Amino acid sequence: MARTLLIPTDFSIESLWLLKEALRPVQIGKVSIILLHCVYTSDSIVELLFFSRKELVDKLINEDFRDACKILRRKYTHHIESLRIEIFSGNTQRAFKDFLLANHIDEILLPHPFGLKNVHRDSFSPEPFIRNCHAVVTEVAWQPSEDIPEKNKLAAIFLL
């Protein structure tokens, strides 16, 4: 059975470097990867009635991020059993724990220092929930670079 890894993302190509780091030590076996983004739900009944996680993800993801995910899937096809994106919209530690249990999370990769951006007006950081959960958390050294254009970051995925 494949290990399941949870990796927070802000839908930037740079955040996929954590995915690369997760796959580096994998020699035998497969991993299932869940890319996590956290968004507060609205208080508006109308917005809740028409809320769709799929539409939100489609709105947040740009074409370069999609391409980078495809490249990584092809490059690590023998290691990646599945790669999916999940939106967490809970606001309690218990809700996060239930999310981890429901998705059978074995390990969480956390960038250090935490530098993911809020890409939506209702986005929030999962770091406090991750730090307070009892799952295995692996901190990965990560320094986001501000000066490289996103297109060059996509090209760097080929070098992984």
C-alpha atoms as a PDB file:
ATOM      1  CA  MET A   1       0.000   0.000   0.000  1.00  0.00           C
ATOM      2  CA  ALA A   2       1.261   3.459  -0.884  1.00  0.00           C
ATOM      3  CA  ARG A   3       2.229   6.053   1.712  1.00  0.00           C
ATOM      4  CA  THR A   4       0.098   9.182   1.616  1.00  0.00           C
ATOM      5  CA  LEU A   5       1.875  12.528   1.841  1.00  0.00           C
ATOM      6  CA  LEU A   6       0.253  15.893   2.474  1.00  0.00           C
ATOM      7  CA  ILE A   7       1.996  18.928   1.002  1.00  0.00           C
ATOM      8  CA  PRO A   8       0.683  22.481   1.488  1.00  0.00           C
ATOM      9  CA  THR A   9       0.593  24.538  -1.704  1.00  0.00           C
ATOM     10  CA  ASP A  10      -0.106  28.076  -2.862  1.00  0.00           C
ATOM     11  CA  PHE A  11      -0.384  26.874  -6.478  1.00  0.00           C
ATOM     12  CA  SER A  12       2.995  28.324  -7.394  1.00  0.00           C
ATOM     13  CA  ILE A  13       5.482  26.203  -9.296  1.00  0.00           C
ATOM     14  CA  GLU A  14       7.939  26.828  -6.468  1.00  0.00           C
ATOM     15  CA  SER A  15       5.683  25.030  -4.007  1.00  0.00           C
ATOM     16  CA  LEU A  16       6.103  21.877  -6.118  1.00  0.00           C
ATOM     17  CA  TRP A  17       9.751  21.712  -5.030  1.00  0.00           C
ATOM     18  CA  LEU A  18       8.392  20.143  -1.842  1.00  0.00           C
ATOM     19  CA  LEU A  19       6.937  17.406  -4.029  1.00  0.00           C
ATOM     20  CA  LYS A  20      10.357  16.838  -5.559  1.00  0.00           C
ATOM     21  CA  GLU A  21      11.876  16.608  -2.092  1.00  0.00           C
ATOM     22  CA  ALA A  22       9.210  14.105  -1.094  1.00  0.00           C
ATOM     23  CA  LEU A  23      10.044  11.872  -4.046  1.00  0.00           C
ATOM     24  CA  ARG A  24      13.815  12.041  -3.651  1.00  0.00           C
ATOM     25  CA  PRO A  25      14.120   9.383  -0.897  1.00  0.00           C
ATOM     26  CA  VAL A  26      11.519   7.091  -2.461  1.00  0.00           C
ATOM     27  CA  GLN A  27      13.355   4.060  -3.787  1.00  0.00           C
ATOM     28  CA  ILE A  28      10.791   1.301  -3.592  1.00  0.00           C
ATOM     29  CA  GLY A  29       7.051   1.635  -3.541  1.00  0.00           C
ATOM     30  CA  LYS A  30       4.639   4.335  -4.443  1.00  0.00           C
ATOM     31  CA  VAL A  31       3.290   7.436  -2.772  1.00  0.00           C
ATOM     32  CA  SER A  32      -0.067   9.136  -2.971  1.00  0.00           C
ATOM     33  CA  ILE A  33       0.295  12.887  -2.783  1.00  0.00           C
ATOM     34  CA  ILE A  34      -2.315  15.387  -1.666  1.00  0.00           C
ATOM     35  CA  LEU A  35      -1.591  19.044  -2.337  1.00  0.00           C
ATOM     36  CA  LEU A  36      -3.444  21.067   0.306  1.00  0.00           C
ATOM     37  CA  HIS A  37      -4.739  24.608   0.167  1.00  0.00           C
ATOM     38  CA  CYS A  38      -6.772  26.132   3.011  1.00  0.00           C
ATOM     39  CA  VAL A  39      -9.697  28.482   2.413  1.00  0.00           C
ATOM     40  CA  TYR A  40     -12.238  29.889   4.858  1.00  0.00           C
ATOM     41  CA  THR A  41     -15.834  29.260   3.862  1.00  0.00           C
ATOM     42  CA  SER A  42     -18.183  32.166   3.474  1.00  0.00           C
ATOM     43  CA  ASP A  43     -20.885  33.106   5.969  1.00  0.00           C
ATOM     44  CA  SER A  44     -23.253  33.940   3.135  1.00  0.00           C
ATOM     45  CA  ILE A  45     -25.956  31.339   2.567  1.00  0.00           C
ATOM     46  CA  VAL A  46     -26.057  32.140  -1.143  1.00  0.00           C
ATOM     47  CA  GLU A  47     -22.293  31.672  -1.508  1.00  0.00           C
ATOM     48  CA  LEU A  48     -22.458  28.405   0.436  1.00  0.00           C
ATOM     49  CA  LEU A  49     -25.259  27.104  -1.789  1.00  0.00           C
ATOM     50  CA  PHE A  50     -23.207  27.722  -4.913  1.00  0.00           C
ATOM     51  CA  PHE A  51     -19.796  26.863  -3.453  1.00  0.00           C
ATOM     52  CA  SER A  52     -17.869  24.302  -5.464  1.00  0.00           C
ATOM     53  CA  ARG A  53     -14.402  23.090  -4.454  1.00  0.00           C
ATOM     54  CA  LYS A  54     -13.680  22.090  -8.052  1.00  0.00           C
ATOM     55  CA  GLU A  55     -14.545  25.550  -9.380  1.00  0.00           C
ATOM     56  CA  LEU A  56     -12.420  27.168  -6.665  1.00  0.00           C
ATOM     57  CA  VAL A  57      -9.424  24.969  -7.526  1.00  0.00           C
ATOM     58  CA  ASP A  58      -9.889  25.690 -11.236  1.00  0.00           C
ATOM     59  CA  LYS A  59      -9.907  29.405 -10.470  1.00  0.00           C
ATOM     60  CA  LEU A  60      -6.768  29.244  -8.285  1.00  0.00           C
ATOM     61  CA  ILE A  61      -4.603  27.068 -10.539  1.00  0.00           C
ATOM     62  CA  ASN A  62      -2.782  28.647 -13.454  1.00  0.00           C
ATOM     63  CA  GLU A  63      -1.705  26.817 -16.604  1.00  0.00           C
ATOM     64  CA  ASP A  64       1.986  26.743 -15.610  1.00  0.00           C
ATOM     65  CA  PHE A  65       1.115  24.945 -12.362  1.00  0.00           C
ATOM     66  CA  ARG A  66      -0.960  22.389 -14.282  1.00  0.00           C
ATOM     67  CA  ASP A  67       1.917  21.836 -16.718  1.00  0.00           C
ATOM     68  CA  ALA A  68       4.421  21.449 -13.877  1.00  0.00           C
ATOM     69  CA  CYS A  69       2.197  18.818 -12.206  1.00  0.00           C
ATOM     70  CA  LYS A  70       1.959  16.924 -15.505  1.00  0.00           C
ATOM     71  CA  ILE A  71       5.736  17.044 -15.936  1.00  0.00           C
ATOM     72  CA  LEU A  72       6.313  15.711 -12.431  1.00  0.00           C
ATOM     73  CA  ARG A  73       3.736  12.949 -12.892  1.00  0.00           C
ATOM     74  CA  ARG A  74       5.465  11.810 -16.069  1.00  0.00           C
ATOM     75  CA  LYS A  75       8.956  12.029 -14.617  1.00  0.00           C
ATOM     76  CA  TYR A  76       8.071  10.145 -11.431  1.00  0.00           C
ATOM     77  CA  THR A  77       5.411   7.857 -12.897  1.00  0.00           C
ATOM     78  CA  HIS A  78       6.892   4.835 -11.115  1.00  0.00           C
ATOM     79  CA  HIS A  79       6.705   6.566  -7.721  1.00  0.00           C
ATOM     80  CA  ILE A  80       3.471   8.567  -7.868  1.00  0.00           C
ATOM     81  CA  GLU A  81       0.365   6.481  -7.416  1.00  0.00           C
ATOM     82  CA  SER A  82      -1.911   9.531  -7.301  1.00  0.00           C
ATOM     83  CA  LEU A  83      -1.613  13.291  -7.146  1.00  0.00           C
ATOM     84  CA  ARG A  84      -4.631  15.340  -6.189  1.00  0.00           C
ATOM     85  CA  ILE A  85      -5.530  18.745  -4.839  1.00  0.00           C
ATOM     86  CA  GLU A  86      -7.721  19.170  -1.772  1.00  0.00           C
ATOM     87  CA  ILE A  87      -9.245  22.274  -0.242  1.00  0.00           C
ATOM     88  CA  PHE A  88      -9.503  22.328   3.559  1.00  0.00           C
ATOM     89  CA  SER A  89     -12.091  24.742   4.869  1.00  0.00           C
ATOM     90  CA  GLY A  90     -12.332  23.751   8.517  1.00  0.00           C
ATOM     91  CA  ASN A  91     -11.514  26.148  11.303  1.00  0.00           C
ATOM     92  CA  THR A  92     -10.703  23.844  14.210  1.00  0.00           C
ATOM     93  CA  GLN A  93      -7.885  21.479  15.069  1.00  0.00           C
ATOM     94  CA  ARG A  94     -10.422  18.657  15.348  1.00  0.00           C
ATOM     95  CA  ALA A  95     -11.639  19.318  11.790  1.00  0.00           C
ATOM     96  CA  PHE A  96      -8.033  19.150  10.574  1.00  0.00           C
ATOM     97  CA  LYS A  97      -7.440  15.909  12.469  1.00  0.00           C
ATOM     98  CA  ASP A  98     -10.574  14.443  10.853  1.00  0.00           C
ATOM     99  CA  PHE A  99      -9.317  15.615   7.445  1.00  0.00           C
ATOM    100  CA  LEU A 100      -6.014  13.787   8.048  1.00  0.00           C
ATOM    101  CA  LEU A 101      -7.791  10.618   9.163  1.00  0.00           C
ATOM    102  CA  ALA A 102     -10.254  10.660   6.257  1.00  0.00           C
ATOM    103  CA  ASN A 103      -7.416  11.005   3.747  1.00  0.00           C
ATOM    104  CA  HIS A 104      -5.164   8.422   5.486  1.00  0.00           C
ATOM    105  CA  ILE A 105      -2.234  10.863   5.756  1.00  0.00           C
ATOM    106  CA  ASP A 106       1.028   9.153   6.770  1.00  0.00           C
ATOM    107  CA  GLU A 107       3.312  12.182   6.636  1.00  0.00           C
ATOM    108  CA  ILE A 108       3.100  15.947   6.170  1.00  0.00           C
ATOM    109  CA  LEU A 109       5.848  17.909   4.440  1.00  0.00           C
ATOM    110  CA  LEU A 110       6.136  21.444   5.738  1.00  0.00           C
ATOM    111  CA  PRO A 111       8.345  24.098   4.136  1.00  0.00           C
ATOM    112  CA  HIS A 112      10.788  25.727   6.527  1.00  0.00           C
ATOM    113  CA  PRO A 113      10.629  28.623   6.850  1.00  0.00           C
ATOM    114  CA  PHE A 114       6.951  28.610   5.967  1.00  0.00           C
ATOM    115  CA  GLY A 115       6.583  30.996   3.048  1.00  0.00           C
ATOM    116  CA  LEU A 116       3.480  30.054   1.094  1.00  0.00           C
ATOM    117  CA  LYS A 117       1.335  32.952  -0.053  1.00  0.00           C
ATOM    118  CA  ASN A 118      -2.381  33.440   0.370  1.00  0.00           C
ATOM    119  CA  VAL A 119      -3.594  33.347  -3.227  1.00  0.00           C
ATOM    120  CA  HIS A 120      -7.271  33.893  -2.493  1.00  0.00           C
ATOM    121  CA  ARG A 121      -8.942  36.528  -0.341  1.00  0.00           C
ATOM    122  CA  ASP A 122     -10.126  33.742   1.983  1.00  0.00           C
ATOM    123  CA  SER A 123      -6.922  31.662   1.994  1.00  0.00           C
ATOM    124  CA  PHE A 124      -5.234  30.917   5.300  1.00  0.00           C
ATOM    125  CA  SER A 125      -2.098  29.160   6.463  1.00  0.00           C
ATOM    126  CA  PRO A 126      -2.348  25.503   7.504  1.00  0.00           C
ATOM    127  CA  GLU A 127       0.854  25.812   9.546  1.00  0.00           C
ATOM    128  CA  PRO A 128      -0.789  26.178  13.002  1.00  0.00           C
ATOM    129  CA  PHE A 129      -2.942  23.098  12.374  1.00  0.00           C
ATOM    130  CA  ILE A 130       0.022  21.117  11.075  1.00  0.00           C
ATOM    131  CA  ARG A 131       2.244  22.042  14.015  1.00  0.00           C
ATOM    132  CA  ASN A 132      -0.436  20.993  16.519  1.00  0.00           C
ATOM    133  CA  CYS A 133      -1.410  17.694  14.916  1.00  0.00           C
ATOM    134  CA  HIS A 134       0.035  14.349  15.935  1.00  0.00           C
ATOM    135  CA  ALA A 135       0.989  13.231  12.445  1.00  0.00           C
ATOM    136  CA  VAL A 136       4.572  12.781  11.268  1.00  0.00           C
ATOM    137  CA  VAL A 137       5.731  16.219  10.110  1.00  0.00           C
ATOM    138  CA  THR A 138       8.909  16.572   8.069  1.00  0.00           C
ATOM    139  CA  GLU A 139      10.270  20.081   7.656  1.00  0.00           C
ATOM    140  CA  VAL A 140      11.940  20.712   4.311  1.00  0.00           C
ATOM    141  CA  ALA A 141      14.408  23.562   3.915  1.00  0.00           C
ATOM    142  CA  TRP A 142      12.826  25.915   1.419  1.00  0.00           C
ATOM    143  CA  GLN A 143      13.801  29.391   0.343  1.00  0.00           C
ATOM    144  CA  PRO A 144      11.387  30.934  -2.151  1.00  0.00           C
ATOM    145  CA  SER A 145      13.151  32.984  -4.778  1.00  0.00           C
ATOM    146  CA  GLU A 146      11.594  36.316  -5.589  1.00  0.00           C
ATOM    147  CA  ASP A 147      13.646  37.221  -8.651  1.00  0.00           C
ATOM    148  CA  ILE A 148      12.970  34.271 -10.969  1.00  0.00           C
ATOM    149  CA  PRO A 149       9.996  34.684 -13.317  1.00  0.00           C
ATOM    150  CA  GLU A 150       7.364  31.921 -13.109  1.00  0.00           C
ATOM    151  CA  LYS A 151       8.138  30.760 -16.680  1.00  0.00           C
ATOM    152  CA  ASN A 152      11.768  30.048 -15.749  1.00  0.00           C
ATOM    153  CA  LYS A 153      10.551  28.104 -12.729  1.00  0.00           C
ATOM    154  CA  LEU A 154       8.519  25.884 -15.060  1.00  0.00           C
ATOM    155  CA  ALA A 155      11.638  25.219 -17.113  1.00  0.00           C
ATOM    156  CA  ALA A 156      13.516  24.296 -13.934  1.00  0.00           C
ATOM    157  CA  ILE A 157      11.044  21.463 -13.293  1.00  0.00           C
ATOM    158  CA  PHE A 158      12.766  19.584 -16.141  1.00  0.00           C
ATOM    159  CA  LEU A 159      15.981  19.608 -14.123  1.00  0.00           C
ATOM    160  CA  LEU A 160      14.425  17.850 -11.131  1.00  0.00           C
END
